[in-house]
């Protein structure tokens, strides 16, 4: 006795071409999403690097300004001291 297999086949099977086209469309979507995420990551990393570099430049600039201002103050103090001693002699 042989058992026969029956199926209702209510839904028709999709063609191999349609299945392949859907898979290709899904892969294209995934690639586009990956590229968008990768681009956003690269942009944020470059922005972070530039901001870090600008912070270093600002720190170096401020250090140079502070050093120059200290030198100017020393020279002003020395000049004021000289002027005070000249005024005392006069």
N, C-alpha and C. Protein backbone atom coordinates (compact mmCIF):
# COMPACT_ATOMS: atom_id res chain seq x y z
N UNK A 1 0.84 -1.17 0.00
CA UNK A 1 0.00 0.00 0.00
C UNK A 1 0.89 1.24 0.00
N UNK A 2 0.59 2.11 -0.85
CA UNK A 2 1.39 3.33 -1.02
C UNK A 2 0.57 4.52 -0.57
N UNK A 3 1.25 5.42 0.20
CA UNK A 3 0.57 6.61 0.69
C UNK A 3 0.83 7.73 -0.31
N UNK A 4 -0.22 8.27 -0.83
CA UNK A 4 -0.07 9.34 -1.81
C UNK A 4 -0.01 10.68 -1.08
N UNK A 5 0.83 11.51 -1.58
CA UNK A 5 1.00 12.85 -0.99
C UNK A 5 0.16 13.83 -1.80
N UNK A 6 -0.68 14.52 -1.09
CA UNK A 6 -1.51 15.49 -1.77
C UNK A 6 -1.26 16.86 -1.17
N UNK A 7 -1.28 17.85 -2.00
CA UNK A 7 -1.17 19.22 -1.51
C UNK A 7 -2.27 20.02 -2.16
N UNK A 8 -2.64 21.05 -1.45
CA UNK A 8 -3.76 21.83 -1.93
C UNK A 8 -3.36 22.81 -3.04
N UNK A 9 -2.12 23.28 -2.98
CA UNK A 9 -1.62 24.24 -3.97
C UNK A 9 -2.54 25.45 -4.13
N UNK A 10 -2.92 26.00 -3.00
CA UNK A 10 -3.78 27.17 -3.06
C UNK A 10 -3.01 28.40 -3.53
N UNK A 11 -1.75 28.48 -3.13
CA UNK A 11 -0.91 29.61 -3.52
C UNK A 11 0.06 29.15 -4.59
N UNK A 12 0.10 29.83 -5.70
CA UNK A 12 1.05 29.41 -6.74
C UNK A 12 2.48 29.73 -6.32
N UNK A 13 3.41 28.91 -6.74
CA UNK A 13 4.82 29.14 -6.43
C UNK A 13 5.34 30.29 -7.28
N UNK A 14 6.28 31.03 -6.67
CA UNK A 14 6.89 32.14 -7.40
C UNK A 14 7.92 31.59 -8.37
N UNK A 15 8.09 32.30 -9.45
CA UNK A 15 9.07 31.85 -10.44
C UNK A 15 10.49 32.08 -9.90
N UNK A 16 11.43 31.32 -10.41
CA UNK A 16 12.83 31.46 -9.98
C UNK A 16 13.35 32.85 -10.31
N UNK A 17 12.92 33.40 -11.43
CA UNK A 17 13.35 34.75 -11.81
C UNK A 17 12.87 35.77 -10.79
N UNK A 18 11.61 35.65 -10.35
CA UNK A 18 11.05 36.60 -9.39
C UNK A 18 11.77 36.48 -8.04
N UNK A 19 12.07 35.26 -7.60
CA UNK A 19 12.79 35.06 -6.34
C UNK A 19 14.18 35.68 -6.44
N UNK A 20 14.87 35.47 -7.56
CA UNK A 20 16.21 36.03 -7.74
C UNK A 20 16.16 37.55 -7.80
N UNK A 21 15.14 38.11 -8.46
CA UNK A 21 15.00 39.57 -8.54
C UNK A 21 14.74 40.17 -7.16
N UNK A 22 13.91 39.49 -6.36
CA UNK A 22 13.65 39.98 -5.00
C UNK A 22 14.92 39.93 -4.15
N UNK A 23 15.69 38.86 -4.28
CA UNK A 23 16.94 38.74 -3.53
C UNK A 23 17.93 39.83 -3.96
N UNK A 24 18.01 40.08 -5.25
CA UNK A 24 18.92 41.12 -5.75
C UNK A 24 18.49 42.50 -5.24
N UNK A 25 17.19 42.76 -5.23
CA UNK A 25 16.69 44.04 -4.73
C UNK A 25 17.00 44.19 -3.24
N UNK A 26 16.85 43.11 -2.49
CA UNK A 26 17.16 43.15 -1.05
C UNK A 26 18.65 43.42 -0.83
N UNK A 27 19.50 42.76 -1.64
CA UNK A 27 20.95 43.00 -1.52
C UNK A 27 21.30 44.44 -1.86
N UNK A 28 20.68 45.00 -2.92
CA UNK A 28 20.93 46.40 -3.28
C UNK A 28 20.54 47.33 -2.14
N UNK A 29 19.41 47.06 -1.50
CA UNK A 29 18.96 47.87 -0.37
C UNK A 29 19.95 47.78 0.78
N UNK A 30 20.41 46.57 1.07
CA UNK A 30 21.37 46.38 2.16
C UNK A 30 22.69 47.10 1.87
N UNK A 31 23.15 47.04 0.62
CA UNK A 31 24.39 47.71 0.24
C UNK A 31 24.23 49.23 0.38
N UNK A 32 23.09 49.75 -0.06
CA UNK A 32 22.85 51.20 0.04
C UNK A 32 22.82 51.63 1.50
N UNK A 33 22.17 50.84 2.37
CA UNK A 33 22.14 51.17 3.79
C UNK A 33 23.53 51.13 4.40
N UNK A 34 24.32 50.10 4.03
CA UNK A 34 25.69 49.98 4.54
C UNK A 34 26.53 51.18 4.10
N UNK A 35 26.40 51.57 2.84
CA UNK A 35 27.18 52.70 2.35
C UNK A 35 26.78 53.99 3.05
N UNK A 36 25.49 54.17 3.32
CA UNK A 36 25.03 55.37 4.02
C UNK A 36 25.58 55.40 5.45
N UNK A 37 25.52 54.27 6.13
CA UNK A 37 26.05 54.20 7.49
C UNK A 37 27.56 54.41 7.50
N UNK A 38 28.25 53.82 6.53
CA UNK A 38 29.70 53.97 6.43
C UNK A 38 30.08 55.42 6.16
N UNK A 39 29.32 56.08 5.30
CA UNK A 39 29.56 57.48 5.01
C UNK A 39 29.35 58.35 6.25
N UNK A 40 28.29 58.06 7.00
CA UNK A 40 28.03 58.82 8.23
C UNK A 40 29.14 58.60 9.24
N UNK A 41 29.62 57.38 9.35
CA UNK A 41 30.71 57.08 10.28
C UNK A 41 31.98 57.82 9.87
N UNK A 42 32.32 57.78 8.59
CA UNK A 42 33.51 58.48 8.11
C UNK A 42 33.40 59.98 8.35
N UNK A 43 32.22 60.53 8.12
CA UNK A 43 32.01 61.95 8.34
C UNK A 43 32.18 62.31 9.81
N UNK A 44 31.60 61.51 10.69
CA UNK A 44 31.71 61.82 12.12
C UNK A 44 33.15 61.67 12.61
N UNK A 45 33.87 60.68 12.10
CA UNK A 45 35.27 60.51 12.49
C UNK A 45 36.12 61.68 12.01
N UNK A 46 35.89 62.12 10.79
CA UNK A 46 36.68 63.25 10.28
C UNK A 46 36.34 64.53 11.04
N UNK A 47 35.07 64.71 11.39
CA UNK A 47 34.67 65.88 12.18
C UNK A 47 35.33 65.85 13.55
N UNK A 48 35.35 64.67 14.17
CA UNK A 48 35.99 64.52 15.48
C UNK A 48 37.48 64.83 15.38
N UNK A 49 38.13 64.32 14.34
CA UNK A 49 39.57 64.56 14.16
C UNK A 49 39.84 66.05 13.96
N UNK A 50 39.03 66.70 13.13
CA UNK A 50 39.22 68.13 12.87
C UNK A 50 39.00 68.94 14.15
N UNK A 51 37.95 68.60 14.90
CA UNK A 51 37.69 69.31 16.16
C UNK A 51 38.83 69.11 17.15
N UNK A 52 39.37 67.90 17.20
CA UNK A 52 40.49 67.62 18.09
C UNK A 52 41.72 68.42 17.66
N UNK A 53 41.96 68.46 16.36
CA UNK A 53 43.10 69.21 15.84
C UNK A 53 42.93 70.70 16.11
N UNK A 54 41.72 71.22 15.92
CA UNK A 54 41.47 72.63 16.18
C UNK A 54 41.64 72.94 17.66
N UNK A 55 41.25 72.01 18.53
CA UNK A 55 41.45 72.19 19.96
C UNK A 55 42.93 72.28 20.29
N UNK A 56 43.74 71.44 19.65
CA UNK A 56 45.19 71.48 19.88
C UNK A 56 45.77 72.80 19.38
N UNK A 57 45.31 73.25 18.22
CA UNK A 57 45.79 74.52 17.67
C UNK A 57 45.41 75.68 18.59
N UNK A 58 44.16 75.64 19.10
CA UNK A 58 43.72 76.69 20.02
C UNK A 58 44.56 76.69 21.30
N UNK A 59 44.88 75.50 21.80
CA UNK A 59 45.72 75.42 23.00
C UNK A 59 47.11 75.99 22.74
N UNK A 60 47.70 75.65 21.60
CA UNK A 60 49.03 76.18 21.27
C UNK A 60 48.97 77.69 21.09
N UNK A 61 47.93 78.18 20.44
CA UNK A 61 47.78 79.62 20.24
C UNK A 61 47.65 80.34 21.57
N UNK A 62 46.84 79.81 22.46
CA UNK A 62 46.65 80.45 23.76
C UNK A 62 47.94 80.42 24.59
N UNK A 63 48.69 79.34 24.50
CA UNK A 63 49.98 79.26 25.21
C UNK A 63 50.94 80.32 24.69
N UNK A 64 50.98 80.50 23.37
CA UNK A 64 51.87 81.52 22.79
C UNK A 64 51.42 82.92 23.21
N UNK A 65 50.14 83.17 23.22
CA UNK A 65 49.63 84.49 23.64
C UNK A 65 49.99 84.75 25.09
N UNK A 66 49.80 83.76 25.95
CA UNK A 66 50.13 83.92 27.37
C UNK A 66 51.62 84.20 27.56
N UNK A 67 52.46 83.48 26.81
CA UNK A 67 53.92 83.69 26.91
C UNK A 67 54.30 85.10 26.47
N UNK A 68 53.74 85.55 25.37
CA UNK A 68 54.06 86.89 24.86
C UNK A 68 53.55 87.96 25.83
N UNK A 69 52.35 87.76 26.37
CA UNK A 69 51.82 88.73 27.32
C UNK A 69 52.69 88.79 28.59
N UNK A 70 53.20 87.64 29.03
CA UNK A 70 54.08 87.62 30.20
C UNK A 70 55.38 88.38 29.91
N UNK A 71 55.93 88.20 28.71
CA UNK A 71 57.15 88.92 28.34
C UNK A 71 56.89 90.43 28.29
N UNK A 72 55.76 90.83 27.73
CA UNK A 72 55.41 92.25 27.66
C UNK A 72 55.28 92.82 29.07
N UNK A 73 54.63 92.07 29.95
CA UNK A 73 54.46 92.54 31.34
C UNK A 73 55.81 92.70 32.02
N UNK A 74 56.73 91.75 31.80
CA UNK A 74 58.07 91.86 32.39
C UNK A 74 58.77 93.12 31.88
N UNK A 75 58.69 93.38 30.60
CA UNK A 75 59.34 94.57 30.03
C UNK A 75 58.69 95.85 30.54
N UNK A 76 57.36 95.83 30.68
CA UNK A 76 56.68 97.01 31.22
C UNK A 76 57.09 97.26 32.67
N UNK A 77 57.19 96.19 33.44
CA UNK A 77 57.62 96.33 34.83
C UNK A 77 59.04 96.87 34.92
N UNK A 78 59.92 96.36 34.06
CA UNK A 78 61.30 96.85 34.05
C UNK A 78 61.35 98.32 33.64
N UNK A 79 60.55 98.70 32.65
CA UNK A 79 60.52 100.09 32.21
C UNK A 79 59.95 100.99 33.30
N UNK A 80 58.89 100.53 33.97
CA UNK A 80 58.32 101.31 35.06
C UNK A 80 59.32 101.47 36.20
N UNK A 81 60.08 100.44 36.49
CA UNK A 81 61.08 100.50 37.55
C UNK A 81 62.16 101.52 37.17
N UNK A 82 62.57 101.50 35.90
CA UNK A 82 63.57 102.46 35.44
C UNK A 82 63.02 103.88 35.52
N UNK A 83 61.77 104.06 35.10
CA UNK A 83 61.15 105.39 35.15
C UNK A 83 61.02 105.88 36.61
N UNK A 84 60.70 104.99 37.52
CA UNK A 84 60.60 105.36 38.94
C UNK A 84 61.96 105.82 39.47
N UNK A 85 63.02 105.10 39.10
CA UNK A 85 64.34 105.51 39.59
C UNK A 85 64.78 106.82 38.97
N UNK A 86 64.38 107.10 37.72
CA UNK A 86 64.71 108.39 37.08
C UNK A 86 63.93 109.49 37.78
N UNK A 87 62.67 109.24 38.08
CA UNK A 87 61.85 110.25 38.76
C UNK A 87 62.37 110.54 40.17
N UNK A 88 62.93 109.55 40.83
CA UNK A 88 63.47 109.77 42.17
C UNK A 88 64.72 110.65 42.11
N UNK A 89 65.50 110.50 41.04
CA UNK A 89 66.71 111.31 40.89
C UNK A 89 66.38 112.76 40.53
N UNK A 90 65.28 112.96 39.86
CA UNK A 90 64.96 114.31 39.41
C UNK A 90 64.38 115.18 40.47
